[in-house]
């Protein structure tokens, strides 16, 4: 995507056609004003991609043909790496691109659910989907009012809070007691298993 000489209309994967069209918001929805940065960042006018396991998250400023490029780049790179072929030099493999995922999640959009969070680039906000908020809030309230917790419930609680830490990094400081408690349970379980 950083290559200024790449023409996404000439070099692209056939999988680009599987991606849904861009999802736009109404023009009357205002853009949030970003706060001043306390550090200097280089200008990235071509967009970027982040990869998390099997999810590719491209983002760009909607100028020139950037939107077409963030659709074409992931599909083209994956296709180039995992293309089908024949002959002695090729290993049999699938295309590595999930067509249903291209259709369901690939469309460029100003509001997108990404790794379980709703990212809104128009309002500059990150939100937990309401169904997750309701479920997690209920789980936390139930656990706070109890005197005991199972290892499975503790593990689930820690994983939920780790999701929040991705957004609110300072919360990491408050996780130490939970991590220590989880490690103690694991240690005691191992010791009990060895005495049998």
N, C-alpha and C. Protein backbone atom coordinates (compact mmCIF):
# COMPACT_ATOMS: atom_id res chain seq x y z
N UNK A 1 0.82 -1.20 0.00
CA UNK A 1 0.00 0.00 0.00
C UNK A 1 0.86 1.26 0.00
N UNK A 2 2.06 1.16 0.51
CA UNK A 2 2.95 2.34 0.55
C UNK A 2 3.60 2.60 -0.80
N UNK A 3 3.48 1.67 -1.73
CA UNK A 3 4.12 1.82 -3.03
C UNK A 3 3.30 2.77 -3.91
N UNK A 4 3.83 3.95 -4.14
CA UNK A 4 3.10 4.96 -4.93
C UNK A 4 2.95 4.53 -6.39
N UNK A 5 3.83 3.63 -6.86
CA UNK A 5 3.77 3.20 -8.26
C UNK A 5 2.76 2.09 -8.51
N UNK A 6 2.21 1.49 -7.43
CA UNK A 6 1.25 0.40 -7.60
C UNK A 6 -0.09 0.96 -8.08
N UNK A 7 -0.58 0.43 -9.18
CA UNK A 7 -1.88 0.82 -9.73
C UNK A 7 -2.86 -0.30 -9.44
N UNK A 8 -3.77 -0.06 -8.50
CA UNK A 8 -4.73 -1.10 -8.06
C UNK A 8 -5.75 -1.45 -9.13
N UNK A 9 -5.81 -0.68 -10.20
CA UNK A 9 -6.72 -1.01 -11.31
C UNK A 9 -6.04 -1.92 -12.32
N UNK A 10 -4.72 -2.05 -12.23
CA UNK A 10 -3.99 -2.90 -13.17
C UNK A 10 -3.47 -4.18 -12.54
N UNK A 11 -2.98 -4.09 -11.32
CA UNK A 11 -2.45 -5.27 -10.62
C UNK A 11 -3.33 -5.52 -9.41
N UNK A 12 -4.17 -6.54 -9.50
CA UNK A 12 -5.10 -6.84 -8.41
C UNK A 12 -5.55 -8.29 -8.51
N UNK A 13 -6.03 -8.82 -7.42
CA UNK A 13 -6.53 -10.19 -7.37
C UNK A 13 -7.97 -10.24 -7.83
N UNK A 14 -8.35 -11.38 -8.37
CA UNK A 14 -9.76 -11.59 -8.76
C UNK A 14 -10.68 -11.53 -7.54
N UNK A 15 -10.12 -11.72 -6.33
CA UNK A 15 -10.94 -11.71 -5.12
C UNK A 15 -11.47 -10.31 -4.77
N UNK A 16 -10.90 -9.28 -5.38
CA UNK A 16 -11.40 -7.92 -5.15
C UNK A 16 -12.88 -7.83 -5.50
N UNK A 17 -13.30 -8.59 -6.51
CA UNK A 17 -14.71 -8.55 -6.93
C UNK A 17 -15.64 -9.18 -5.89
N UNK A 18 -15.09 -9.93 -4.94
CA UNK A 18 -15.91 -10.58 -3.89
C UNK A 18 -16.19 -9.64 -2.72
N UNK A 19 -15.47 -8.50 -2.66
CA UNK A 19 -15.64 -7.55 -1.55
C UNK A 19 -16.84 -6.66 -1.84
N UNK A 20 -17.68 -6.49 -0.83
CA UNK A 20 -18.87 -5.65 -0.98
C UNK A 20 -18.48 -4.19 -1.21
N UNK A 21 -19.40 -3.41 -1.82
CA UNK A 21 -19.09 -1.99 -2.06
C UNK A 21 -18.95 -1.20 -0.76
N UNK A 22 -18.34 -0.03 -0.87
CA UNK A 22 -18.10 0.84 0.29
C UNK A 22 -19.42 1.21 0.97
N UNK A 23 -19.39 1.19 2.31
CA UNK A 23 -20.54 1.58 3.12
C UNK A 23 -20.33 3.01 3.59
N UNK A 24 -21.21 3.91 3.20
CA UNK A 24 -21.06 5.32 3.55
C UNK A 24 -22.05 5.74 4.62
N UNK A 25 -21.71 6.78 5.34
CA UNK A 25 -22.62 7.39 6.31
C UNK A 25 -23.29 8.59 5.64
N UNK A 26 -24.38 9.04 6.24
CA UNK A 26 -25.07 10.21 5.71
C UNK A 26 -24.17 11.43 5.83
N UNK A 27 -24.24 12.30 4.85
CA UNK A 27 -23.38 13.49 4.82
C UNK A 27 -23.63 14.42 6.00
N UNK A 28 -24.85 14.42 6.55
CA UNK A 28 -25.15 15.35 7.64
C UNK A 28 -24.53 14.93 8.98
N UNK A 29 -23.96 13.72 9.06
CA UNK A 29 -23.28 13.30 10.29
C UNK A 29 -21.92 13.99 10.34
N UNK A 30 -21.73 14.81 11.38
CA UNK A 30 -20.51 15.61 11.49
C UNK A 30 -19.28 14.76 11.78
N UNK A 31 -18.14 15.27 11.37
CA UNK A 31 -16.85 14.68 11.72
C UNK A 31 -16.44 15.20 13.09
N UNK A 32 -15.98 14.31 13.95
CA UNK A 32 -15.47 14.74 15.25
C UNK A 32 -14.13 15.46 15.04
N UNK A 33 -13.83 16.38 15.93
CA UNK A 33 -12.55 17.09 15.84
C UNK A 33 -11.53 16.35 16.70
N UNK A 34 -10.45 15.95 16.08
CA UNK A 34 -9.40 15.23 16.81
C UNK A 34 -8.65 16.18 17.73
N UNK A 35 -8.18 15.67 18.83
CA UNK A 35 -7.35 16.46 19.75
C UNK A 35 -5.95 16.61 19.16
N UNK A 36 -5.26 17.63 19.63
CA UNK A 36 -3.88 17.82 19.20
C UNK A 36 -3.03 16.65 19.70
N UNK A 37 -2.09 16.24 18.87
CA UNK A 37 -1.19 15.15 19.23
C UNK A 37 -0.08 15.69 20.13
N UNK A 38 0.37 14.89 21.09
CA UNK A 38 1.49 15.30 21.94
C UNK A 38 2.83 14.83 21.36
N UNK A 39 2.74 14.01 20.32
CA UNK A 39 3.95 13.56 19.62
C UNK A 39 3.78 13.82 18.13
N UNK A 40 4.87 13.86 17.43
CA UNK A 40 4.81 14.05 15.98
C UNK A 40 4.81 12.70 15.28
N UNK A 41 3.89 12.53 14.37
CA UNK A 41 3.83 11.31 13.57
C UNK A 41 4.06 11.65 12.12
N UNK A 42 4.70 10.74 11.40
CA UNK A 42 4.90 10.97 9.98
C UNK A 42 3.56 10.88 9.26
N UNK A 43 3.43 11.58 8.18
CA UNK A 43 2.17 11.57 7.41
C UNK A 43 2.10 10.27 6.63
N UNK A 44 0.99 9.56 6.81
CA UNK A 44 0.77 8.29 6.11
C UNK A 44 -0.43 8.50 5.19
N UNK A 45 -0.17 8.88 3.95
CA UNK A 45 -1.28 9.20 3.06
C UNK A 45 -1.71 8.05 2.16
N UNK A 46 -1.07 6.89 2.31
CA UNK A 46 -1.43 5.74 1.46
C UNK A 46 -2.24 4.68 2.20
N UNK A 47 -2.38 4.82 3.51
CA UNK A 47 -3.09 3.81 4.28
C UNK A 47 -2.14 2.80 4.89
N UNK A 48 -2.68 2.01 5.79
CA UNK A 48 -1.91 0.98 6.49
C UNK A 48 -2.78 -0.25 6.67
N UNK A 49 -2.13 -1.39 6.94
CA UNK A 49 -2.83 -2.63 7.27
C UNK A 49 -2.26 -3.17 8.57
N UNK A 50 -3.14 -3.71 9.39
CA UNK A 50 -2.72 -4.43 10.58
C UNK A 50 -3.29 -5.83 10.46
N UNK A 51 -2.56 -6.81 10.92
CA UNK A 51 -3.00 -8.20 10.82
C UNK A 51 -3.08 -8.79 12.21
N UNK A 52 -4.22 -9.40 12.51
CA UNK A 52 -4.39 -10.09 13.78
C UNK A 52 -4.91 -11.49 13.48
N UNK A 53 -4.07 -12.48 13.61
CA UNK A 53 -4.34 -13.89 13.31
C UNK A 53 -4.85 -14.02 11.88
N UNK A 54 -6.18 -14.11 11.68
CA UNK A 54 -6.69 -14.25 10.32
C UNK A 54 -7.52 -13.05 9.89
N UNK A 55 -7.40 -11.94 10.61
CA UNK A 55 -8.11 -10.72 10.25
C UNK A 55 -7.12 -9.68 9.75
N UNK A 56 -7.44 -9.07 8.62
CA UNK A 56 -6.62 -8.00 8.08
C UNK A 56 -7.44 -6.72 8.21
N UNK A 57 -6.86 -5.73 8.86
CA UNK A 57 -7.57 -4.48 9.14
C UNK A 57 -6.86 -3.34 8.41
N UNK A 58 -7.36 -2.97 7.21
CA UNK A 58 -6.77 -1.84 6.51
C UNK A 58 -7.48 -0.54 6.88
N UNK A 59 -6.74 0.56 6.88
CA UNK A 59 -7.33 1.86 7.18
C UNK A 59 -6.61 2.91 6.35
N UNK A 60 -7.35 3.92 5.92
CA UNK A 60 -6.75 4.98 5.12
C UNK A 60 -7.57 6.26 5.23
N UNK A 61 -6.95 7.34 4.82
CA UNK A 61 -7.68 8.59 4.64
C UNK A 61 -8.31 8.51 3.25
N UNK A 62 -9.57 8.88 3.15
CA UNK A 62 -10.31 8.74 1.88
C UNK A 62 -9.94 9.87 0.93
N UNK A 63 -8.73 9.77 0.37
CA UNK A 63 -8.27 10.71 -0.65
C UNK A 63 -7.76 9.90 -1.84
N UNK A 64 -7.68 10.55 -2.97
CA UNK A 64 -7.29 9.91 -4.23
C UNK A 64 -7.98 8.56 -4.38
N UNK A 65 -7.23 7.51 -4.63
CA UNK A 65 -7.84 6.18 -4.82
C UNK A 65 -7.54 5.25 -3.64
N UNK A 66 -7.34 5.80 -2.45
CA UNK A 66 -6.97 5.01 -1.28
C UNK A 66 -7.98 3.92 -0.95
N UNK A 67 -9.26 4.20 -1.08
CA UNK A 67 -10.27 3.20 -0.72
C UNK A 67 -10.13 1.98 -1.63
N UNK A 68 -9.93 2.20 -2.92
CA UNK A 68 -9.71 1.07 -3.84
C UNK A 68 -8.45 0.30 -3.47
N UNK A 69 -7.43 1.01 -3.02
CA UNK A 69 -6.16 0.37 -2.68
C UNK A 69 -6.29 -0.48 -1.41
N UNK A 70 -7.05 -0.01 -0.39
CA UNK A 70 -7.15 -0.83 0.82
C UNK A 70 -8.05 -2.04 0.62
N UNK A 71 -8.87 -2.03 -0.43
CA UNK A 71 -9.63 -3.23 -0.78
C UNK A 71 -8.73 -4.19 -1.55
N UNK A 72 -7.99 -3.66 -2.49
CA UNK A 72 -7.19 -4.51 -3.38
C UNK A 72 -5.94 -5.09 -2.72
N UNK A 73 -5.29 -4.31 -1.86
CA UNK A 73 -4.00 -4.74 -1.31
C UNK A 73 -4.06 -6.06 -0.56
N UNK A 74 -4.94 -6.22 0.46
CA UNK A 74 -4.95 -7.50 1.18
C UNK A 74 -5.27 -8.69 0.28
N UNK A 75 -6.29 -8.53 -0.57
CA UNK A 75 -6.66 -9.63 -1.47
C UNK A 75 -5.52 -10.00 -2.40
N UNK A 76 -4.84 -8.99 -2.93
CA UNK A 76 -3.77 -9.23 -3.90
C UNK A 76 -2.56 -9.89 -3.25
N UNK A 77 -2.20 -9.44 -2.05
CA UNK A 77 -1.05 -10.02 -1.36
C UNK A 77 -1.33 -11.48 -0.98
N UNK A 78 -2.51 -11.73 -0.41
CA UNK A 78 -2.84 -13.12 -0.03
C UNK A 78 -2.89 -14.00 -1.27
N UNK A 79 -3.49 -13.51 -2.33
CA UNK A 79 -3.58 -14.28 -3.57
C UNK A 79 -2.19 -14.58 -4.14
N UNK A 80 -1.30 -13.61 -4.07
CA UNK A 80 0.06 -13.81 -4.59
C UNK A 80 0.81 -14.86 -3.79
N UNK A 81 0.60 -14.87 -2.47
CA UNK A 81 1.30 -15.82 -1.60
C UNK A 81 0.71 -17.22 -1.73
N UNK A 82 -0.61 -17.31 -1.87
CA UNK A 82 -1.27 -18.62 -1.80
C UNK A 82 -1.98 -19.01 -3.09
N UNK A 83 -1.49 -18.53 -4.21
CA UNK A 83 -2.19 -18.83 -5.47
C UNK A 83 -2.11 -20.31 -5.82
N UNK A 84 -3.11 -20.76 -6.53
CA UNK A 84 -3.10 -22.15 -7.00
C UNK A 84 -2.21 -22.23 -8.24
N UNK A 85 -1.62 -23.35 -8.43
CA UNK A 85 -0.78 -23.54 -9.59
C UNK A 85 -0.71 -25.01 -9.97
N UNK A 86 0.17 -25.32 -10.86
CA UNK A 86 0.37 -26.71 -11.26
C UNK A 86 1.85 -26.92 -11.57
N UNK A 87 2.23 -28.16 -11.69
CA UNK A 87 3.62 -28.46 -11.99
C UNK A 87 4.39 -28.82 -10.75
N UNK A 88 5.65 -29.16 -10.94
CA UNK A 88 6.48 -29.68 -9.86
C UNK A 88 6.83 -28.63 -8.81
N UNK A 89 6.76 -27.34 -9.15
CA UNK A 89 7.16 -26.30 -8.20
C UNK A 89 6.03 -25.83 -7.29
N UNK A 90 4.81 -26.32 -7.49
CA UNK A 90 3.67 -25.85 -6.71
C UNK A 90 3.21 -26.89 -5.71
N UNK A 91 2.87 -26.45 -4.52
CA UNK A 91 2.26 -27.31 -3.53
C UNK A 91 0.75 -27.12 -3.58
N UNK A 92 -0.01 -28.21 -3.49
CA UNK A 92 -1.47 -28.03 -3.50
C UNK A 92 -1.93 -27.30 -2.24
N UNK A 93 -2.78 -26.30 -2.40
CA UNK A 93 -3.29 -25.53 -1.27
C UNK A 93 -4.57 -24.81 -1.69
N UNK A 94 -5.29 -24.30 -0.71
CA UNK A 94 -6.48 -23.53 -1.06
C UNK A 94 -6.08 -22.08 -1.27
N UNK A 95 -7.06 -21.24 -1.58
CA UNK A 95 -6.77 -19.84 -1.91
C UNK A 95 -6.45 -18.98 -0.69
N UNK A 96 -6.76 -19.48 0.50
CA UNK A 96 -6.53 -18.76 1.75
C UNK A 96 -7.38 -17.51 1.91
N UNK A 97 -8.30 -17.28 1.00
CA UNK A 97 -9.20 -16.13 1.13
C UNK A 97 -10.61 -16.67 1.30
N UNK A 98 -11.25 -16.29 2.39
CA UNK A 98 -12.62 -16.72 2.65
C UNK A 98 -13.57 -15.78 1.92
N UNK A 99 -14.21 -16.28 0.86
CA UNK A 99 -15.09 -15.43 0.06
C UNK A 99 -16.24 -14.88 0.89
N UNK A 100 -16.78 -15.71 1.81
CA UNK A 100 -17.88 -15.22 2.64
C UNK A 100 -17.42 -14.08 3.55
N UNK A 101 -16.17 -14.13 4.01
CA UNK A 101 -15.63 -13.07 4.85
C UNK A 101 -15.40 -11.80 4.04
N UNK A 102 -14.94 -11.97 2.79
CA UNK A 102 -14.78 -10.81 1.90
C UNK A 102 -16.11 -10.09 1.75
N UNK A 103 -17.17 -10.86 1.54
CA UNK A 103 -18.49 -10.28 1.33
C UNK A 103 -19.03 -9.65 2.61
N UNK A 104 -18.89 -10.36 3.74
CA UNK A 104 -19.50 -9.90 5.00
C UNK A 104 -18.69 -8.79 5.68
N UNK A 105 -17.37 -8.84 5.61
CA UNK A 105 -16.54 -7.92 6.41
C UNK A 105 -15.58 -7.05 5.60
N UNK A 106 -15.48 -7.32 4.31
CA UNK A 106 -14.43 -6.66 3.53
C UNK A 106 -14.74 -5.26 3.05
N UNK A 107 -16.01 -4.87 3.07
CA UNK A 107 -16.37 -3.56 2.53
C UNK A 107 -15.73 -2.42 3.32
N UNK A 108 -15.16 -1.45 2.64
CA UNK A 108 -14.66 -0.27 3.36
C UNK A 108 -15.83 0.46 4.02
N UNK A 109 -15.63 0.94 5.22
CA UNK A 109 -16.71 1.61 5.95
C UNK A 109 -16.13 2.55 6.98
N UNK A 110 -16.89 3.59 7.32
CA UNK A 110 -16.48 4.53 8.36
C UNK A 110 -16.79 4.00 9.75
N UNK A 111 -17.73 3.06 9.84
CA UNK A 111 -18.06 2.39 11.10
C UNK A 111 -17.90 0.90 10.85
N UNK A 112 -17.06 0.26 11.67
CA UNK A 112 -16.75 -1.15 11.42
C UNK A 112 -16.57 -1.88 12.75
N UNK A 113 -17.11 -3.09 12.83
CA UNK A 113 -16.81 -3.94 13.97
C UNK A 113 -15.51 -4.66 13.68
N UNK A 114 -14.54 -4.47 14.56
CA UNK A 114 -13.21 -5.01 14.33
C UNK A 114 -12.70 -5.64 15.61
N UNK A 115 -12.44 -6.94 15.56
CA UNK A 115 -11.96 -7.67 16.73
C UNK A 115 -12.86 -7.45 17.94
N UNK A 116 -14.17 -7.39 17.68
CA UNK A 116 -15.16 -7.29 18.75
C UNK A 116 -15.50 -5.89 19.21
N UNK A 117 -14.87 -4.87 18.62
CA UNK A 117 -15.14 -3.48 18.99
C UNK A 117 -15.74 -2.74 17.81
N UNK A 118 -16.60 -1.76 18.08
CA UNK A 118 -17.16 -0.93 17.02
C UNK A 118 -16.27 0.30 16.90
N UNK A 119 -15.59 0.43 15.76
CA UNK A 119 -14.71 1.56 15.50
C UNK A 119 -15.46 2.55 14.61
N UNK A 120 -15.58 3.78 15.04
CA UNK A 120 -16.28 4.80 14.27
C UNK A 120 -15.27 5.91 13.95
N UNK A 121 -14.85 5.95 12.69
CA UNK A 121 -13.84 6.93 12.30
C UNK A 121 -14.44 8.31 12.09
N UNK A 122 -15.75 8.39 12.00
CA UNK A 122 -16.41 9.70 11.87
C UNK A 122 -16.49 10.38 13.23
N UNK A 123 -16.88 9.63 14.26
CA UNK A 123 -16.99 10.21 15.61
C UNK A 123 -15.71 10.03 16.43
N UNK A 124 -14.73 9.32 15.85
CA UNK A 124 -13.46 9.01 16.53
C UNK A 124 -13.73 8.29 17.86
N UNK A 125 -14.58 7.28 17.81
CA UNK A 125 -14.93 6.55 19.03
C UNK A 125 -14.72 5.05 18.86
N UNK A 126 -14.53 4.40 20.00
CA UNK A 126 -14.42 2.94 20.06
C UNK A 126 -15.45 2.49 21.08
N UNK A 127 -16.35 1.60 20.68
CA UNK A 127 -17.43 1.16 21.56
C UNK A 127 -17.54 -0.36 21.59
N UNK A 128 -17.95 -0.85 22.73
CA UNK A 128 -18.28 -2.27 22.86
C UNK A 128 -19.69 -2.45 22.32
N UNK A 129 -19.94 -3.43 21.45
CA UNK A 129 -21.31 -3.64 20.97
C UNK A 129 -22.27 -3.83 22.14
N UNK A 130 -23.48 -3.33 22.00
CA UNK A 130 -24.44 -3.29 23.11
C UNK A 130 -24.71 -4.68 23.67
N UNK A 131 -24.80 -5.71 22.81
CA UNK A 131 -25.09 -7.05 23.32
C UNK A 131 -23.94 -7.56 24.21
N UNK A 132 -22.69 -7.20 23.85
CA UNK A 132 -21.55 -7.59 24.68
C UNK A 132 -21.56 -6.80 25.99
N UNK A 133 -21.85 -5.51 25.90
CA UNK A 133 -21.88 -4.69 27.10
C UNK A 133 -22.90 -5.25 28.11
N UNK A 134 -24.09 -5.57 27.64
CA UNK A 134 -25.14 -6.08 28.53
C UNK A 134 -24.69 -7.39 29.18
N UNK A 135 -24.15 -8.30 28.37
CA UNK A 135 -23.72 -9.60 28.90
C UNK A 135 -22.54 -9.44 29.87
N UNK A 136 -21.54 -8.65 29.51
CA UNK A 136 -20.37 -8.48 30.36
C UNK A 136 -20.73 -7.75 31.65
N UNK A 137 -21.57 -6.74 31.55
CA UNK A 137 -21.99 -5.99 32.74
C UNK A 137 -22.71 -6.92 33.72
N UNK A 138 -23.59 -7.76 33.21
CA UNK A 138 -24.32 -8.71 34.05
C UNK A 138 -23.35 -9.71 34.70
N UNK A 139 -22.40 -10.23 33.91
CA UNK A 139 -21.40 -11.16 34.45
C UNK A 139 -20.61 -10.51 35.60
N UNK A 140 -20.14 -9.29 35.38
CA UNK A 140 -19.35 -8.60 36.41
C UNK A 140 -20.16 -8.34 37.67
N UNK A 141 -21.39 -7.89 37.50
CA UNK A 141 -22.24 -7.63 38.67
C UNK A 141 -22.49 -8.91 39.46
N UNK A 142 -22.74 -10.01 38.76
CA UNK A 142 -22.98 -11.29 39.43
C UNK A 142 -21.73 -11.76 40.19
N UNK A 143 -20.56 -11.59 39.58
CA UNK A 143 -19.32 -12.03 40.22
C UNK A 143 -18.97 -11.17 41.43
N UNK A 144 -19.22 -9.88 41.36
CA UNK A 144 -18.91 -8.97 42.48
C UNK A 144 -19.72 -9.35 43.71
N UNK A 145 -20.93 -9.82 43.53
CA UNK A 145 -21.82 -10.13 44.65
C UNK A 145 -21.66 -11.55 45.19
N UNK A 146 -20.64 -12.27 44.70
CA UNK A 146 -20.44 -13.65 45.16
C UNK A 146 -19.20 -13.77 46.02
N UNK A 147 -19.13 -14.87 46.78
CA UNK A 147 -17.96 -15.13 47.63
C UNK A 147 -16.98 -16.11 47.01
N UNK A 148 -17.34 -16.68 45.87
CA UNK A 148 -16.46 -17.68 45.24
C UNK A 148 -16.55 -17.55 43.71
N UNK A 149 -15.55 -18.15 43.06
CA UNK A 149 -15.51 -18.13 41.60
C UNK A 149 -14.80 -19.39 41.13
N UNK A 150 -15.27 -19.98 40.06
CA UNK A 150 -14.59 -21.16 39.49
C UNK A 150 -13.44 -20.70 38.62
N UNK A 151 -12.53 -21.61 38.34
CA UNK A 151 -11.41 -21.27 37.48
C UNK A 151 -11.90 -20.85 36.10
N UNK A 152 -12.91 -21.53 35.57
CA UNK A 152 -13.47 -21.19 34.25
C UNK A 152 -14.05 -19.78 34.25
N UNK A 153 -14.77 -19.42 35.32
CA UNK A 153 -15.36 -18.08 35.41
C UNK A 153 -14.27 -17.01 35.56
N UNK A 154 -13.24 -17.31 36.33
CA UNK A 154 -12.13 -16.38 36.50
C UNK A 154 -11.43 -16.15 35.18
N UNK A 155 -11.18 -17.23 34.46
CA UNK A 155 -10.53 -17.14 33.16
C UNK A 155 -11.36 -16.29 32.20
N UNK A 156 -12.67 -16.50 32.19
CA UNK A 156 -13.57 -15.74 31.33
C UNK A 156 -13.54 -14.26 31.71
N UNK A 157 -13.56 -13.97 33.00
CA UNK A 157 -13.49 -12.59 33.48
C UNK A 157 -12.19 -11.92 33.03
N UNK A 158 -11.08 -12.60 33.19
CA UNK A 158 -9.78 -12.04 32.81
C UNK A 158 -9.75 -11.75 31.31
N UNK A 159 -10.24 -12.67 30.49
CA UNK A 159 -10.22 -12.46 29.04
C UNK A 159 -11.08 -11.26 28.65
N UNK A 160 -12.23 -11.08 29.30
CA UNK A 160 -13.08 -9.92 29.00
C UNK A 160 -12.36 -8.62 29.38
N UNK A 161 -11.76 -8.62 30.55
CA UNK A 161 -11.06 -7.41 30.99
C UNK A 161 -9.84 -7.12 30.11
N UNK A 162 -9.19 -8.16 29.60
CA UNK A 162 -8.06 -7.95 28.68
C UNK A 162 -8.52 -7.28 27.40
N UNK A 163 -9.74 -7.56 26.97
CA UNK A 163 -10.30 -6.87 25.81
C UNK A 163 -10.41 -5.38 26.08
N UNK A 164 -10.84 -5.05 27.29
CA UNK A 164 -10.99 -3.64 27.66
C UNK A 164 -9.62 -2.97 27.76
N UNK A 165 -8.62 -3.71 28.24
CA UNK A 165 -7.26 -3.18 28.39
C UNK A 165 -6.68 -2.73 27.05
N UNK A 166 -7.10 -3.38 25.98
CA UNK A 166 -6.63 -2.97 24.65
C UNK A 166 -6.96 -1.50 24.42
N UNK A 167 -8.10 -1.06 24.93
CA UNK A 167 -8.54 0.32 24.76
C UNK A 167 -8.09 1.21 25.92
N UNK A 168 -8.21 0.70 27.15
CA UNK A 168 -7.85 1.47 28.35
C UNK A 168 -6.60 0.85 28.98
N UNK A 169 -5.45 1.17 28.44
CA UNK A 169 -4.19 0.54 28.81
C UNK A 169 -3.88 0.64 30.30
N UNK A 170 -4.29 1.72 30.94
CA UNK A 170 -3.97 1.92 32.35
C UNK A 170 -4.61 0.86 33.25
N UNK A 171 -5.68 0.23 32.77
CA UNK A 171 -6.34 -0.83 33.56
C UNK A 171 -5.43 -2.03 33.78
N UNK A 172 -4.42 -2.18 32.95
CA UNK A 172 -3.50 -3.32 33.07
C UNK A 172 -2.90 -3.39 34.48
N UNK A 173 -2.68 -2.23 35.06
CA UNK A 173 -2.10 -2.15 36.41
C UNK A 173 -2.96 -2.89 37.44
N UNK A 174 -4.26 -2.86 37.25
CA UNK A 174 -5.19 -3.44 38.22
C UNK A 174 -5.43 -4.94 38.01
N UNK A 175 -4.79 -5.52 37.01
CA UNK A 175 -5.00 -6.94 36.70
C UNK A 175 -4.08 -7.86 37.48
N UNK A 176 -3.04 -7.32 38.11
CA UNK A 176 -2.03 -8.16 38.76
C UNK A 176 -2.63 -9.15 39.76
N UNK A 177 -3.55 -8.69 40.60
CA UNK A 177 -4.14 -9.59 41.59
C UNK A 177 -4.93 -10.72 40.92
N UNK A 178 -5.64 -10.40 39.85
CA UNK A 178 -6.38 -11.45 39.14
C UNK A 178 -5.42 -12.46 38.50
N UNK A 179 -4.33 -11.96 37.89
CA UNK A 179 -3.34 -12.87 37.29
C UNK A 179 -2.70 -13.75 38.37
N UNK A 180 -2.36 -13.15 39.51
CA UNK A 180 -1.77 -13.93 40.61
C UNK A 180 -2.75 -15.00 41.09
N UNK A 181 -4.01 -14.62 41.21
CA UNK A 181 -5.03 -15.56 41.65
C UNK A 181 -5.19 -16.71 40.66
N UNK A 182 -5.19 -16.37 39.36
CA UNK A 182 -5.30 -17.41 38.33
C UNK A 182 -4.09 -18.35 38.37
N UNK A 183 -2.89 -17.78 38.53
CA UNK A 183 -1.67 -18.61 38.61
C UNK A 183 -1.69 -19.51 39.83
N UNK A 184 -2.22 -19.01 40.94
CA UNK A 184 -2.33 -19.81 42.16
C UNK A 184 -3.27 -21.00 41.93
N UNK A 185 -4.39 -20.76 41.27
CA UNK A 185 -5.33 -21.84 40.97
C UNK A 185 -4.68 -22.89 40.08
N UNK A 186 -3.95 -22.45 39.07
CA UNK A 186 -3.27 -23.38 38.16
C UNK A 186 -2.24 -24.21 38.93
N UNK A 187 -1.47 -23.54 39.78
CA UNK A 187 -0.45 -24.23 40.59
C UNK A 187 -1.08 -25.25 41.53
N UNK A 188 -2.15 -24.86 42.23
CA UNK A 188 -2.83 -25.79 43.15
C UNK A 188 -3.43 -26.95 42.39
N UNK A 189 -4.01 -26.69 41.22
CA UNK A 189 -4.59 -27.77 40.41
C UNK A 189 -3.51 -28.77 40.00
N UNK A 190 -2.34 -28.26 39.61
CA UNK A 190 -1.23 -29.14 39.21
C UNK A 190 -0.75 -29.96 40.40
N UNK A 191 -0.65 -29.32 41.56
CA UNK A 191 -0.20 -30.04 42.77
C UNK A 191 -1.19 -31.13 43.15
N UNK A 192 -2.48 -30.82 43.08
CA UNK A 192 -3.50 -31.81 43.42
C UNK A 192 -3.50 -32.97 42.41
N UNK A 193 -3.27 -32.65 41.14
CA UNK A 193 -3.23 -33.69 40.12
C UNK A 193 -2.05 -34.64 40.36
N UNK A 194 -0.93 -34.12 40.87
CA UNK A 194 0.26 -34.92 41.12
C UNK A 194 0.13 -35.79 42.37
N UNK A 195 -0.74 -35.42 43.29
CA UNK A 195 -0.92 -36.23 44.51
C UNK A 195 -1.82 -37.42 44.27
N UNK A 196 -2.61 -37.38 43.17
CA UNK A 196 -3.49 -38.53 42.84
C UNK A 196 -2.63 -39.62 42.32
